[in-house]
Amino acid sequence: MTTTRKCDGCDSTDATVLHLGRRTILLAGPLSDSTAASFLAVFFSLASQNKKPITIKLMSPGGNVESGFAVYDAIRTSTVPVTIEAYGEVSSIAALIFLAGDKRLMSPNCRFMVHHGTADFAGEFKTIISRMDEAKVRDDAYIFALSDRTQLTLEGARDLVDAEAFFSAGRCLELGISHGLLEEKS
């Protein structure tokens, strides 16, 4: 199954979910509601077939926060072992998705970035306050997951998010963000 959709709020216009066979899913491009829905359809279908491991090949600059949490929660609550391989750039909410994997591997040149979510609010004052409160809840959950799924303390995770810096695959290995590097051909 291949799905290409426009991602609201992202510079790029395409995201792809592709079942590559052999229980491997490609998730590439900006994450939108429709991309997450396509991914979840493929993921839940594979997970319901048997308990054999699933591999996700991930390359994404991020996207919609709620969609990212939906994908993260699906992977984390699955009874099927999930390996996530990161390629190119894995940033923003895609970084959270990467952290969902039971086994997390990065290509040697992959770049990883975490940051505070962005939001754009309009409407009545009470509505704006409510949405700001919800954005804070999501931001805290993002930071907690970064701490919970790595060797970082909660304070250390918050410092990385505050820094909004890119990290190499090697640095991610040192921080416990990844479990290993994908090997290059010899």
C-alpha atoms as a PDB file:
ATOM      1  CA  MET A   1       0.000   0.000   0.000  1.00  0.00           C
ATOM      2  CA  THR A   2       1.367   3.415  -0.940  1.00  0.00           C
ATOM      3  CA  THR A   3      -0.165   6.680   0.201  1.00  0.00           C
ATOM      4  CA  THR A   4       1.039  10.143  -0.679  1.00  0.00           C
ATOM      5  CA  ARG A   5      -0.584  13.133   1.022  1.00  0.00           C
ATOM      6  CA  LYS A   6      -0.051  16.847   1.491  1.00  0.00           C
ATOM      7  CA  CYS A   7       1.141  17.657   5.021  1.00  0.00           C
ATOM      8  CA  ASP A   8      -0.443  20.768   6.537  1.00  0.00           C
ATOM      9  CA  GLY A   9       2.179  23.097   7.959  1.00  0.00           C
ATOM     10  CA  CYS A  10       5.166  21.274   6.441  1.00  0.00           C
ATOM     11  CA  ASP A  11       7.461  22.636   3.743  1.00  0.00           C
ATOM     12  CA  SER A  12       7.512  19.369   1.848  1.00  0.00           C
ATOM     13  CA  THR A  13       4.276  18.137   0.298  1.00  0.00           C
ATOM     14  CA  ASP A  14       4.747  14.373   0.189  1.00  0.00           C
ATOM     15  CA  ALA A  15       4.777  11.649   2.792  1.00  0.00           C
ATOM     16  CA  THR A  16       4.866   7.970   1.982  1.00  0.00           C
ATOM     17  CA  VAL A  17       3.750   4.850   3.796  1.00  0.00           C
ATOM     18  CA  LEU A  18       4.758   1.731   1.933  1.00  0.00           C
ATOM     19  CA  HIS A  19       4.563  -1.925   2.937  1.00  0.00           C
ATOM     20  CA  LEU A  20       7.832  -3.248   1.550  1.00  0.00           C
ATOM     21  CA  GLY A  21       6.987  -6.902   2.224  1.00  0.00           C
ATOM     22  CA  ARG A  22       8.613  -9.181   4.766  1.00  0.00           C
ATOM     23  CA  ARG A  23       6.922  -7.230   7.577  1.00  0.00           C
ATOM     24  CA  THR A  24       8.773  -3.993   6.753  1.00  0.00           C
ATOM     25  CA  ILE A  25       7.099  -0.579   6.540  1.00  0.00           C
ATOM     26  CA  LEU A  26       8.593   2.604   5.079  1.00  0.00           C
ATOM     27  CA  LEU A  27       7.453   5.828   6.774  1.00  0.00           C
ATOM     28  CA  ALA A  28       9.051   8.760   4.945  1.00  0.00           C
ATOM     29  CA  GLY A  29       8.297  12.462   4.717  1.00  0.00           C
ATOM     30  CA  PRO A  30       6.279  14.863   6.851  1.00  0.00           C
ATOM     31  CA  LEU A  31       3.726  13.305   9.181  1.00  0.00           C
ATOM     32  CA  SER A  32       0.067  14.285   8.741  1.00  0.00           C
ATOM     33  CA  ASP A  33      -3.204  12.779   9.942  1.00  0.00           C
ATOM     34  CA  SER A  34      -3.633  10.926   6.653  1.00  0.00           C
ATOM     35  CA  THR A  35      -0.054   9.620   6.702  1.00  0.00           C
ATOM     36  CA  ALA A  36      -0.516   8.375  10.267  1.00  0.00           C
ATOM     37  CA  ALA A  37      -3.830   6.723   9.346  1.00  0.00           C
ATOM     38  CA  SER A  38      -2.196   4.925   6.404  1.00  0.00           C
ATOM     39  CA  PHE A  39       0.712   3.826   8.582  1.00  0.00           C
ATOM     40  CA  LEU A  40      -1.599   2.588  11.344  1.00  0.00           C
ATOM     41  CA  ALA A  41      -3.683   0.579   8.844  1.00  0.00           C
ATOM     42  CA  VAL A  42      -0.571  -1.233   7.583  1.00  0.00           C
ATOM     43  CA  PHE A  43       0.947  -1.611  11.070  1.00  0.00           C
ATOM     44  CA  PHE A  44      -2.214  -2.992  12.708  1.00  0.00           C
ATOM     45  CA  SER A  45      -2.753  -5.356   9.779  1.00  0.00           C
ATOM     46  CA  LEU A  46       0.759  -6.791  10.100  1.00  0.00           C
ATOM     47  CA  ALA A  47       0.568  -6.944  13.909  1.00  0.00           C
ATOM     48  CA  SER A  48      -2.720  -8.886  13.761  1.00  0.00           C
ATOM     49  CA  GLN A  49      -1.314 -11.541  11.402  1.00  0.00           C
ATOM     50  CA  ASN A  50       1.212 -13.018  13.834  1.00  0.00           C
ATOM     51  CA  LYS A  51       3.748 -12.076  16.498  1.00  0.00           C
ATOM     52  CA  LYS A  52       6.775 -11.958  14.184  1.00  0.00           C
ATOM     53  CA  PRO A  53       8.836  -8.740  14.424  1.00  0.00           C
ATOM     54  CA  ILE A  54       8.010  -5.693  12.314  1.00  0.00           C
ATOM     55  CA  THR A  55      10.682  -3.348  10.932  1.00  0.00           C
ATOM     56  CA  ILE A  56       9.945   0.313  10.276  1.00  0.00           C
ATOM     57  CA  LYS A  57      12.284   2.316   8.042  1.00  0.00           C
ATOM     58  CA  LEU A  58      11.875   5.939   9.149  1.00  0.00           C
ATOM     59  CA  MET A  59      12.948   9.181   7.501  1.00  0.00           C
ATOM     60  CA  SER A  60      10.911  12.243   8.480  1.00  0.00           C
ATOM     61  CA  PRO A  61      11.348  15.888   9.443  1.00  0.00           C
ATOM     62  CA  GLY A  62       8.312  15.562  11.736  1.00  0.00           C
ATOM     63  CA  GLY A  63       4.832  16.969  11.330  1.00  0.00           C
ATOM     64  CA  ASN A  64       1.541  16.811  13.185  1.00  0.00           C
ATOM     65  CA  VAL A  65       2.023  16.200  16.930  1.00  0.00           C
ATOM     66  CA  GLU A  66      -1.231  14.300  17.531  1.00  0.00           C
ATOM     67  CA  SER A  67      -0.517  12.025  14.566  1.00  0.00           C
ATOM     68  CA  GLY A  68       2.967  11.369  15.915  1.00  0.00           C
ATOM     69  CA  PHE A  69       1.647  10.426  19.340  1.00  0.00           C
ATOM     70  CA  ALA A  70      -0.875   8.071  17.681  1.00  0.00           C
ATOM     71  CA  VAL A  71       1.934   6.261  15.860  1.00  0.00           C
ATOM     72  CA  TYR A  72       4.126   6.244  18.995  1.00  0.00           C
ATOM     73  CA  ASP A  73       1.324   4.798  21.130  1.00  0.00           C
ATOM     74  CA  ALA A  74       0.472   2.127  18.542  1.00  0.00           C
ATOM     75  CA  ILE A  75       4.064   0.924  18.444  1.00  0.00           C
ATOM     76  CA  ARG A  76       4.578   1.098  22.231  1.00  0.00           C
ATOM     77  CA  THR A  77       1.358  -0.791  23.031  1.00  0.00           C
ATOM     78  CA  SER A  78       1.854  -3.465  20.368  1.00  0.00           C
ATOM     79  CA  THR A  79       2.673  -6.985  21.522  1.00  0.00           C
ATOM     80  CA  VAL A  80       4.800  -7.430  18.392  1.00  0.00           C
ATOM     81  CA  PRO A  81       8.524  -6.588  18.639  1.00  0.00           C
ATOM     82  CA  VAL A  82       9.325  -3.500  16.548  1.00  0.00           C
ATOM     83  CA  THR A  83      12.696  -2.467  15.153  1.00  0.00           C
ATOM     84  CA  ILE A  84      12.983   1.072  13.796  1.00  0.00           C
ATOM     85  CA  GLU A  85      15.776   1.969  11.399  1.00  0.00           C
ATOM     86  CA  ALA A  86      16.404   5.714  11.001  1.00  0.00           C
ATOM     87  CA  TYR A  87      17.733   7.242   7.796  1.00  0.00           C
ATOM     88  CA  GLY A  88      18.512  10.798   6.679  1.00  0.00           C
ATOM     89  CA  GLU A  89      16.735  13.106   9.109  1.00  0.00           C
ATOM     90  CA  VAL A  90      14.540  12.075  12.033  1.00  0.00           C
ATOM     91  CA  SER A  91      13.330  15.240  13.725  1.00  0.00           C
ATOM     92  CA  SER A  92      10.596  16.735  15.842  1.00  0.00           C
ATOM     93  CA  ILE A  93       7.647  14.348  16.297  1.00  0.00           C
ATOM     94  CA  ALA A  94       9.423  11.748  14.122  1.00  0.00           C
ATOM     95  CA  ALA A  95      12.060  11.593  16.877  1.00  0.00           C
ATOM     96  CA  LEU A  96       9.307  10.472  19.250  1.00  0.00           C
ATOM     97  CA  ILE A  97       8.247   7.776  16.777  1.00  0.00           C
ATOM     98  CA  PHE A  98      11.850   6.558  16.611  1.00  0.00           C
ATOM     99  CA  LEU A  99      11.927   6.272  20.403  1.00  0.00           C
ATOM    100  CA  ALA A 100       8.935   3.903  20.292  1.00  0.00           C
ATOM    101  CA  GLY A 101      10.999   1.072  18.817  1.00  0.00           C
ATOM    102  CA  ASP A 102      12.018  -1.899  20.939  1.00  0.00           C
ATOM    103  CA  LYS A 103      15.236  -1.881  18.935  1.00  0.00           C
ATOM    104  CA  ARG A 104      16.429   1.419  17.447  1.00  0.00           C
ATOM    105  CA  LEU A 105      19.137   1.575  14.798  1.00  0.00           C
ATOM    106  CA  MET A 106      20.495   4.557  12.867  1.00  0.00           C
ATOM    107  CA  SER A 107      22.270   4.836   9.554  1.00  0.00           C
ATOM    108  CA  PRO A 108      25.775   6.281   9.963  1.00  0.00           C
ATOM    109  CA  ASN A 109      24.812   9.675   8.482  1.00  0.00           C
ATOM    110  CA  CYS A 110      21.395  10.037  10.096  1.00  0.00           C
ATOM    111  CA  ARG A 111      20.658  13.283  11.935  1.00  0.00           C
ATOM    112  CA  PHE A 112      18.319  13.429  14.938  1.00  0.00           C
ATOM    113  CA  MET A 113      16.644  16.527  16.415  1.00  0.00           C
ATOM    114  CA  VAL A 114      14.222  17.187  19.254  1.00  0.00           C
ATOM    115  CA  HIS A 115      12.578  20.510  20.064  1.00  0.00           C
ATOM    116  CA  HIS A 116       9.560  22.078  21.703  1.00  0.00           C
ATOM    117  CA  GLY A 117       6.399  21.837  19.654  1.00  0.00           C
ATOM    118  CA  THR A 118       5.114  24.802  17.723  1.00  0.00           C
ATOM    119  CA  ALA A 119       1.522  26.000  17.843  1.00  0.00           C
ATOM    120  CA  ASP A 120      -0.673  28.571  16.165  1.00  0.00           C
ATOM    121  CA  PHE A 121      -3.826  29.591  18.020  1.00  0.00           C
ATOM    122  CA  ALA A 122      -6.758  31.783  17.084  1.00  0.00           C
ATOM    123  CA  GLY A 123     -10.158  32.264  18.603  1.00  0.00           C
ATOM    124  CA  GLU A 124     -11.668  33.323  21.888  1.00  0.00           C
ATOM    125  CA  PHE A 125      -9.323  33.987  24.791  1.00  0.00           C
ATOM    126  CA  LYS A 126     -10.599  30.972  26.802  1.00  0.00           C
ATOM    127  CA  THR A 127     -10.075  28.701  23.807  1.00  0.00           C
ATOM    128  CA  ILE A 128      -6.530  29.959  23.322  1.00  0.00           C
ATOM    129  CA  ILE A 129      -5.702  29.372  27.011  1.00  0.00           C
ATOM    130  CA  SER A 130      -7.136  25.849  26.812  1.00  0.00           C
ATOM    131  CA  ARG A 131      -5.121  25.055  23.703  1.00  0.00           C
ATOM    132  CA  MET A 132      -1.957  26.472  25.280  1.00  0.00           C
ATOM    133  CA  ASP A 133      -2.508  24.233  28.306  1.00  0.00           C
ATOM    134  CA  GLU A 134      -2.911  21.213  26.020  1.00  0.00           C
ATOM    135  CA  ALA A 135       0.249  22.153  24.099  1.00  0.00           C
ATOM    136  CA  LYS A 136       2.143  22.195  27.422  1.00  0.00           C
ATOM    137  CA  VAL A 137       0.766  18.725  28.287  1.00  0.00           C
ATOM    138  CA  ARG A 138       1.972  17.398  24.921  1.00  0.00           C
ATOM    139  CA  ASP A 139       5.357  19.066  25.317  1.00  0.00           C
ATOM    140  CA  ASP A 140       5.804  17.495  28.773  1.00  0.00           C
ATOM    141  CA  ALA A 141       4.794  14.056  27.418  1.00  0.00           C
ATOM    142  CA  TYR A 142       7.354  14.425  24.611  1.00  0.00           C
ATOM    143  CA  ILE A 143      10.124  15.274  27.096  1.00  0.00           C
ATOM    144  CA  PHE A 144       9.074  12.442  29.437  1.00  0.00           C
ATOM    145  CA  ALA A 145       9.212   9.923  26.564  1.00  0.00           C
ATOM    146  CA  LEU A 146      12.690  11.152  25.607  1.00  0.00           C
ATOM    147  CA  SER A 147      13.832  10.569  29.185  1.00  0.00           C
ATOM    148  CA  ASP A 148      11.935   7.303  29.670  1.00  0.00           C
ATOM    149  CA  ARG A 149      13.188   5.690  26.442  1.00  0.00           C
ATOM    150  CA  THR A 150      16.856   6.751  26.744  1.00  0.00           C
ATOM    151  CA  GLN A 151      19.608   7.070  29.337  1.00  0.00           C
ATOM    152  CA  LEU A 152      18.702  10.737  29.894  1.00  0.00           C
ATOM    153  CA  THR A 153      17.318  12.147  33.109  1.00  0.00           C
ATOM    154  CA  LEU A 154      14.159  14.219  32.840  1.00  0.00           C
ATOM    155  CA  GLU A 155      16.285  17.355  33.266  1.00  0.00           C
ATOM    156  CA  GLY A 156      18.748  16.132  30.632  1.00  0.00           C
ATOM    157  CA  ALA A 157      15.917  15.442  28.195  1.00  0.00           C
ATOM    158  CA  ARG A 158      14.473  18.911  28.802  1.00  0.00           C
ATOM    159  CA  ASP A 159      17.936  20.444  28.165  1.00  0.00           C
ATOM    160  CA  LEU A 160      18.182  18.636  24.797  1.00  0.00           C
ATOM    161  CA  VAL A 161      14.715  19.815  23.802  1.00  0.00           C
ATOM    162  CA  ASP A 162      15.566  23.375  24.877  1.00  0.00           C
ATOM    163  CA  ALA A 163      18.754  23.261  22.792  1.00  0.00           C
ATOM    164  CA  GLU A 164      16.902  22.320  19.596  1.00  0.00           C
ATOM    165  CA  ALA A 165      20.158  20.923  18.248  1.00  0.00           C
ATOM    166  CA  PHE A 166      20.881  18.187  15.732  1.00  0.00           C
ATOM    167  CA  PHE A 167      22.746  15.089  16.861  1.00  0.00           C
ATOM    168  CA  SER A 168      24.819  12.592  14.918  1.00  0.00           C
ATOM    169  CA  ALA A 169      24.079   8.890  14.944  1.00  0.00           C
ATOM    170  CA  GLY A 170      27.174   8.376  17.101  1.00  0.00           C
ATOM    171  CA  ARG A 171      26.028  10.928  19.677  1.00  0.00           C
ATOM    172  CA  CYS A 172      22.572   9.326  19.732  1.00  0.00           C
ATOM    173  CA  LEU A 173      24.225   6.006  20.520  1.00  0.00           C
ATOM    174  CA  GLU A 174      26.125   7.614  23.433  1.00  0.00           C
ATOM    175  CA  LEU A 175      22.883   9.115  24.825  1.00  0.00           C
ATOM    176  CA  GLY A 176      20.938   5.856  24.555  1.00  0.00           C
ATOM    177  CA  ILE A 177      18.646   7.319  21.906  1.00  0.00           C
ATOM    178  CA  SER A 178      19.693   4.536  19.536  1.00  0.00           C
ATOM    179  CA  HIS A 179      20.832   1.023  20.302  1.00  0.00           C
ATOM    180  CA  GLY A 180      23.244   0.721  17.407  1.00  0.00           C
ATOM    181  CA  LEU A 181      24.357   1.823  13.992  1.00  0.00           C
ATOM    182  CA  LEU A 182      23.402   0.132  10.756  1.00  0.00           C
ATOM    183  CA  GLU A 183      26.537  -1.367   9.260  1.00  0.00           C
ATOM    184  CA  GLU A 184      27.924  -0.150   5.991  1.00  0.00           C
ATOM    185  CA  LYS A 185      28.868  -2.678   3.323  1.00  0.00           C
ATOM    186  CA  SER A 186      32.515  -3.656   3.400  1.00  0.00           C
END
